[in-house]
Structure formats: C-alpha cells, structure tokens
Amino acid sequence: MFKKELDPEDFYYSPEGYIVFTEKHHLKRGYCCKSGCKHCPYGYNKKTGTIDTKPNNKSSV
C-alpha cells in the first residue's frame, strides 16, 4: 500500500491522540470520502448521506 508523507498543516492530534485531517488535507486529496470528517470542505452530511451543494462562506485554502 502506498503511504504518502503528511505535511504538518494536513493534520493535528486530538486530545485523545487521534489524527484529525484539516480542510487543507481534504482539498489536496481532491474528493469527499463520505466518512463525516470534522473539517470536510465538501459539505458532506453523515446523517443524511448527502453533500450540501450550497456555496459556503469558508475561505479557500
């Protein structure tokens, strides 16, 4: 399996020690994995299973 090195701005560790991917990482990846990620820039809603297509006010990274 290919394992790419992560840049420091791509993630941080939660207080519990888990890796949390940032919005920047998700944008670099280029698609939504539909896992309900905390910083998903694609607007995926895990409860409804849909992607919100409304433009948001978040700044691009």
Protein backbone atom coordinates (compact mmCIF):
# COMPACT_ATOMS: atom_id res chain seq x y z
CA MET A 1 0.00 0.00 0.00
CA PHE A 2 1.26 3.47 -0.87
CA LYS A 3 1.73 5.71 2.16
CA LYS A 4 2.29 9.39 1.46
CA GLU A 5 4.11 11.55 3.98
CA LEU A 6 1.78 14.09 5.62
CA ASP A 7 2.68 17.76 5.81
CA PRO A 8 2.31 19.41 9.25
CA GLU A 9 -0.60 21.57 8.03
CA ASP A 10 -2.52 18.46 6.89
CA PHE A 11 -3.43 17.19 10.35
CA TYR A 12 -3.31 17.63 14.09
CA TYR A 13 -3.73 15.29 17.05
CA SER A 14 -6.94 15.32 19.09
CA PRO A 15 -6.68 15.31 22.90
CA GLU A 16 -7.36 11.56 22.71
CA GLY A 17 -4.37 11.07 20.38
CA TYR A 18 -6.24 10.54 17.10
CA ILE A 19 -5.10 12.15 13.84
CA VAL A 20 -7.61 14.76 12.64
CA PHE A 21 -7.25 15.81 9.00
CA THR A 22 -7.58 19.52 8.24
CA GLU A 23 -9.59 21.16 5.49
CA LYS A 24 -6.33 21.73 3.62
CA HIS A 25 -5.63 17.97 3.55
CA HIS A 26 -9.10 17.20 2.23
CA LEU A 27 -8.73 19.78 -0.53
CA LYS A 28 -5.33 18.35 -1.51
CA ARG A 29 -6.90 14.89 -1.73
CA GLY A 30 -9.49 16.31 -4.12
CA TYR A 31 -12.64 14.37 -3.24
CA CYS A 32 -15.00 13.60 -0.36
CA CYS A 33 -14.50 10.22 1.31
CA LYS A 34 -18.03 10.39 2.83
CA SER A 35 -16.79 9.49 6.31
CA GLY A 36 -18.24 12.55 8.03
CA CYS A 37 -14.86 14.19 8.64
CA LYS A 38 -14.77 17.05 11.12
CA HIS A 39 -13.21 19.53 8.65
CA CYS A 40 -14.89 18.35 5.42
CA PRO A 41 -14.83 21.22 2.90
CA TYR A 42 -17.23 19.39 0.58
CA GLY A 43 -20.30 19.76 2.80
CA TYR A 44 -20.96 16.06 3.40
CA ASN A 45 -23.69 15.42 5.97
CA LYS A 46 -23.26 11.99 7.55
CA LYS A 47 -26.83 12.00 8.93
CA THR A 48 -28.48 12.49 5.54
CA GLY A 49 -25.76 10.93 3.37
CA THR A 50 -25.78 13.93 1.05
CA ILE A 51 -23.34 16.63 0.02
CA ASP A 52 -24.51 20.21 0.56
CA THR A 53 -24.06 21.92 -2.79
CA LYS A 54 -24.79 25.43 -1.49
CA PRO A 55 -21.76 27.71 -1.67
CA ASN A 56 -20.30 28.34 1.75
CA ASN A 57 -18.51 31.34 3.17
CA LYS A 58 -15.33 29.44 4.04
CA SER A 59 -12.18 30.79 2.53
CA SER A 60 -10.29 28.58 0.11
CA VAL A 61 -7.06 27.07 1.31
